[in-house]
Amino acid sequence: MADAATPPEPDPTANLPRQEPSVCLRCGTPGPVGDDGFCDKCEKALEQACL
């Protein structure tokens, strides 16, 4: 029978690990951070400090 109850489609986003919001490691500002964990502003400041 085609009318048989079929299990609902699994939600692909239901099992994804919850990602922590991105926070800069230097200034603590929430937002996008680079691979090193620093926002653009702090990353540029650290590069200048190394010169």
PDB file of N, CA and C in Angstrom:
ATOM      1  N   MET A   1       0.823  -1.190   0.000  1.00  0.00           N
ATOM      2  CA  MET A   1       0.000   0.000   0.000  1.00  0.00           C
ATOM      3  C   MET A   1       0.868   1.255   0.000  1.00  0.00           C
ATOM      4  N   ALA A   2       0.505   2.201  -0.794  1.00  0.00           N
ATOM      5  CA  ALA A   2       1.258   3.439  -0.886  1.00  0.00           C
ATOM      6  C   ALA A   2       0.887   4.408   0.224  1.00  0.00           C
ATOM      7  N   ASP A   3      -0.232   4.162   0.891  1.00  0.00           N
ATOM      8  CA  ASP A   3      -0.682   5.061   1.949  1.00  0.00           C
ATOM      9  C   ASP A   3      -0.107   4.706   3.317  1.00  0.00           C
ATOM     10  N   ALA A   4       0.820   3.768   3.367  1.00  0.00           N
ATOM     11  CA  ALA A   4       1.403   3.368   4.650  1.00  0.00           C
ATOM     12  C   ALA A   4       2.169   4.548   5.240  1.00  0.00           C
ATOM     13  N   ALA A   5       2.142   4.640   6.554  1.00  0.00           N
ATOM     14  CA  ALA A   5       2.816   5.748   7.240  1.00  0.00           C
ATOM     15  C   ALA A   5       4.321   5.600   7.072  1.00  0.00           C
ATOM     16  N   THR A   6       4.948   6.649   6.591  1.00  0.00           N
ATOM     17  CA  THR A   6       6.404   6.640   6.448  1.00  0.00           C
ATOM     18  C   THR A   6       6.993   7.513   7.540  1.00  0.00           C
ATOM     19  N   PRO A   7       8.140   7.119   8.044  1.00  0.00           N
ATOM     20  CA  PRO A   7       8.749   7.955   9.091  1.00  0.00           C
ATOM     21  C   PRO A   7       9.105   9.325   8.526  1.00  0.00           C
ATOM     22  N   PRO A   8       9.009  10.373   9.341  1.00  0.00           N
ATOM     23  CA  PRO A   8       9.340  11.719   8.843  1.00  0.00           C
ATOM     24  C   PRO A   8      10.815  11.813   8.485  1.00  0.00           C
ATOM     25  N   GLU A   9      11.111  12.697   7.561  1.00  0.00           N
ATOM     26  CA  GLU A   9      12.498  12.925   7.154  1.00  0.00           C
ATOM     27  C   GLU A   9      13.288  13.468   8.342  1.00  0.00           C
ATOM     28  N   PRO A  10      14.471  12.936   8.599  1.00  0.00           N
ATOM     29  CA  PRO A  10      15.271  13.492   9.703  1.00  0.00           C
ATOM     30  C   PRO A  10      15.746  14.897   9.365  1.00  0.00           C
ATOM     31  N   ASP A  11      15.727  15.763  10.344  1.00  0.00           N
ATOM     32  CA  ASP A  11      16.177  17.138  10.156  1.00  0.00           C
ATOM     33  C   ASP A  11      17.703  17.139  10.113  1.00  0.00           C
ATOM     34  N   PRO A  12      18.318  17.514   8.999  1.00  0.00           N
ATOM     35  CA  PRO A  12      19.789  17.465   8.904  1.00  0.00           C
ATOM     36  C   PRO A  12      20.486  18.429   9.861  1.00  0.00           C
ATOM     37  N   THR A  13      19.790  19.466  10.321  1.00  0.00           N
ATOM     38  CA  THR A  13      20.423  20.419  11.229  1.00  0.00           C
ATOM     39  C   THR A  13      20.236  20.030  12.692  1.00  0.00           C
ATOM     40  N   ALA A  14      19.440  19.002  12.963  1.00  0.00           N
ATOM     41  CA  ALA A  14      19.145  18.638  14.348  1.00  0.00           C
ATOM     42  C   ALA A  14      20.360  18.055  15.061  1.00  0.00           C
ATOM     43  N   ASN A  15      21.231  17.363  14.340  1.00  0.00           N
ATOM     44  CA  ASN A  15      22.355  16.677  14.978  1.00  0.00           C
ATOM     45  C   ASN A  15      23.674  17.424  14.857  1.00  0.00           C
ATOM     46  N   LEU A  16      23.657  18.618  14.284  1.00  0.00           N
ATOM     47  CA  LEU A  16      24.891  19.375  14.158  1.00  0.00           C
ATOM     48  C   LEU A  16      25.340  19.868  15.528  1.00  0.00           C
ATOM     49  N   PRO A  17      26.644  19.820  15.799  1.00  0.00           N
ATOM     50  CA  PRO A  17      27.101  20.339  17.092  1.00  0.00           C
ATOM     51  C   PRO A  17      26.850  21.835  17.171  1.00  0.00           C
ATOM     52  N   ARG A  18      26.463  22.284  18.324  1.00  0.00           N
ATOM     53  CA  ARG A  18      26.170  23.705  18.515  1.00  0.00           C
ATOM     54  C   ARG A  18      27.489  24.468  18.518  1.00  0.00           C
ATOM     55  N   GLN A  19      27.581  25.470  17.662  1.00  0.00           N
ATOM     56  CA  GLN A  19      28.806  26.249  17.582  1.00  0.00           C
ATOM     57  C   GLN A  19      28.735  27.399  18.561  1.00  0.00           C
ATOM     58  N   GLU A  20      29.829  27.592  19.266  1.00  0.00           N
ATOM     59  CA  GLU A  20      29.917  28.706  20.198  1.00  0.00           C
ATOM     60  C   GLU A  20      30.012  29.997  19.397  1.00  0.00           C
ATOM     61  N   PRO A  21      29.426  31.078  19.860  1.00  0.00           N
ATOM     62  CA  PRO A  21      29.562  32.346  19.149  1.00  0.00           C
ATOM     63  C   PRO A  21      31.021  32.784  19.139  1.00  0.00           C
ATOM     64  N   SER A  22      31.464  33.337  18.036  1.00  0.00           N
ATOM     65  CA  SER A  22      32.846  33.775  17.900  1.00  0.00           C
ATOM     66  C   SER A  22      33.093  35.006  18.752  1.00  0.00           C
ATOM     67  N   VAL A  23      34.152  34.962  19.539  1.00  0.00           N
ATOM     68  CA  VAL A  23      34.539  36.079  20.393  1.00  0.00           C
ATOM     69  C   VAL A  23      36.046  36.265  20.244  1.00  0.00           C
ATOM     70  N   CYS A  24      36.478  37.489  20.054  1.00  0.00           N
ATOM     71  CA  CYS A  24      37.895  37.798  19.931  1.00  0.00           C
ATOM     72  C   CYS A  24      38.612  37.444  21.231  1.00  0.00           C
ATOM     73  N   LEU A  25      39.757  36.765  21.114  1.00  0.00           N
ATOM     74  CA  LEU A  25      40.524  36.355  22.287  1.00  0.00           C
ATOM     75  C   LEU A  25      41.219  37.531  22.965  1.00  0.00           C
ATOM     76  N   ARG A  26      41.431  38.613  22.225  1.00  0.00           N
ATOM     77  CA  ARG A  26      42.160  39.755  22.782  1.00  0.00           C
ATOM     78  C   ARG A  26      41.222  40.765  23.432  1.00  0.00           C
ATOM     79  N   CYS A  27      40.192  41.195  22.695  1.00  0.00           N
ATOM     80  CA  CYS A  27      39.319  42.254  23.216  1.00  0.00           C
ATOM     81  C   CYS A  27      37.967  41.732  23.698  1.00  0.00           C
ATOM     82  N   GLY A  28      37.624  40.478  23.356  1.00  0.00           N
ATOM     83  CA  GLY A  28      36.372  39.905  23.820  1.00  0.00           C
ATOM     84  C   GLY A  28      35.144  40.342  23.050  1.00  0.00           C
ATOM     85  N   THR A  29      35.331  41.037  21.947  1.00  0.00           N
ATOM     86  CA  THR A  29      34.201  41.500  21.146  1.00  0.00           C
ATOM     87  C   THR A  29      33.596  40.333  20.377  1.00  0.00           C
ATOM     88  N   PRO A  30      32.289  40.114  20.496  1.00  0.00           N
ATOM     89  CA  PRO A  30      31.659  39.050  19.708  1.00  0.00           C
ATOM     90  C   PRO A  30      31.604  39.448  18.241  1.00  0.00           C
ATOM     91  N   GLY A  31      31.806  38.486  17.382  1.00  0.00           N
ATOM     92  CA  GLY A  31      31.762  38.743  15.949  1.00  0.00           C
ATOM     93  C   GLY A  31      32.712  37.817  15.227  1.00  0.00           C
ATOM     94  N   PRO A  32      32.884  38.033  13.943  1.00  0.00           N
ATOM     95  CA  PRO A  32      33.751  37.146  13.170  1.00  0.00           C
ATOM     96  C   PRO A  32      35.208  37.277  13.599  1.00  0.00           C
ATOM     97  N   VAL A  33      35.862  36.145  13.732  1.00  0.00           N
ATOM     98  CA  VAL A  33      37.280  36.111  14.085  1.00  0.00           C
ATOM     99  C   VAL A  33      38.017  35.246  13.077  1.00  0.00           C
ATOM    100  N   GLY A  34      39.310  35.459  12.969  1.00  0.00           N
ATOM    101  CA  GLY A  34      40.133  34.678  12.058  1.00  0.00           C
ATOM    102  C   GLY A  34      40.502  33.337  12.667  1.00  0.00           C
ATOM    103  N   ASP A  35      41.345  32.592  11.965  1.00  0.00           N
ATOM    104  CA  ASP A  35      41.774  31.277  12.429  1.00  0.00           C
ATOM    105  C   ASP A  35      42.523  31.346  13.747  1.00  0.00           C
ATOM    106  N   ASP A  36      43.155  32.479  14.011  1.00  0.00           N
ATOM    107  CA  ASP A  36      43.924  32.636  15.248  1.00  0.00           C
ATOM    108  C   ASP A  36      43.061  33.074  16.429  1.00  0.00           C
ATOM    109  N   GLY A  37      41.791  33.407  16.182  1.00  0.00           N
ATOM    110  CA  GLY A  37      40.875  33.773  17.257  1.00  0.00           C
ATOM    111  C   GLY A  37      40.777  35.262  17.520  1.00  0.00           C
ATOM    112  N   PHE A  38      41.356  36.094  16.659  1.00  0.00           N
ATOM    113  CA  PHE A  38      41.329  37.536  16.849  1.00  0.00           C
ATOM    114  C   PHE A  38      40.471  38.201  15.785  1.00  0.00           C
ATOM    115  N   CYS A  39      39.776  39.291  16.159  1.00  0.00           N
ATOM    116  CA  CYS A  39      39.004  40.056  15.183  1.00  0.00           C
ATOM    117  C   CYS A  39      39.988  40.807  14.273  1.00  0.00           C
ATOM    118  N   ASP A  40      39.475  41.376  13.200  1.00  0.00           N
ATOM    119  CA  ASP A  40      40.336  42.082  12.243  1.00  0.00           C
ATOM    120  C   ASP A  40      41.095  43.229  12.904  1.00  0.00           C
ATOM    121  N   LYS A  41      40.420  43.982  13.749  1.00  0.00           N
ATOM    122  CA  LYS A  41      41.044  45.131  14.405  1.00  0.00           C
ATOM    123  C   LYS A  41      42.237  44.687  15.266  1.00  0.00           C
ATOM    124  N   CYS A  42      42.032  43.663  16.078  1.00  0.00           N
ATOM    125  CA  CYS A  42      43.115  43.190  16.961  1.00  0.00           C
ATOM    126  C   CYS A  42      44.220  42.510  16.166  1.00  0.00           C
ATOM    127  N   GLU A  43      43.840  41.808  15.115  1.00  0.00           N
ATOM    128  CA  GLU A  43      44.840  41.144  14.287  1.00  0.00           C
ATOM    129  C   GLU A  43      45.792  42.173  13.666  1.00  0.00           C
ATOM    130  N   LYS A  44      45.234  43.281  13.177  1.00  0.00           N
ATOM    131  CA  LYS A  44      46.059  44.340  12.603  1.00  0.00           C
ATOM    132  C   LYS A  44      46.923  44.994  13.674  1.00  0.00           C
ATOM    133  N   ALA A  45      46.363  45.186  14.873  1.00  0.00           N
ATOM    134  CA  ALA A  45      47.131  45.781  15.965  1.00  0.00           C
ATOM    135  C   ALA A  45      48.295  44.880  16.370  1.00  0.00           C
ATOM    136  N   LEU A  46      48.080  43.593  16.401  1.00  0.00           N
ATOM    137  CA  LEU A  46      49.149  42.655  16.753  1.00  0.00           C
ATOM    138  C   LEU A  46      50.229  42.628  15.677  1.00  0.00           C
ATOM    139  N   GLU A  47      49.827  42.710  14.414  1.00  0.00           N
ATOM    140  CA  GLU A  47      50.814  42.763  13.332  1.00  0.00           C
ATOM    141  C   GLU A  47      51.664  44.021  13.454  1.00  0.00           C
ATOM    142  N   GLN A  48      51.037  45.159  13.777  1.00  0.00           N
ATOM    143  CA  GLN A  48      51.785  46.411  13.933  1.00  0.00           C
ATOM    144  C   GLN A  48      52.734  46.333  15.122  1.00  0.00           C
ATOM    145  N   ALA A  49      52.328  45.665  16.184  1.00  0.00           N
ATOM    146  CA  ALA A  49      53.158  45.552  17.372  1.00  0.00           C
ATOM    147  C   ALA A  49      54.404  44.711  17.109  1.00  0.00           C
ATOM    148  N   CYS A  50      54.325  43.824  16.146  1.00  0.00           N
ATOM    149  CA  CYS A  50      55.450  42.945  15.828  1.00  0.00           C
ATOM    150  C   CYS A  50      56.456  43.600  14.905  1.00  0.00           C
ATOM    151  N   LEU A  51      56.137  44.761  14.364  1.00  0.00           N
ATOM    152  CA  LEU A  51      57.062  45.433  13.433  1.00  0.00           C
ATOM    153  C   LEU A  51      58.164  46.163  14.151  1.00  0.00           C
TER     154      LEU A  51
END
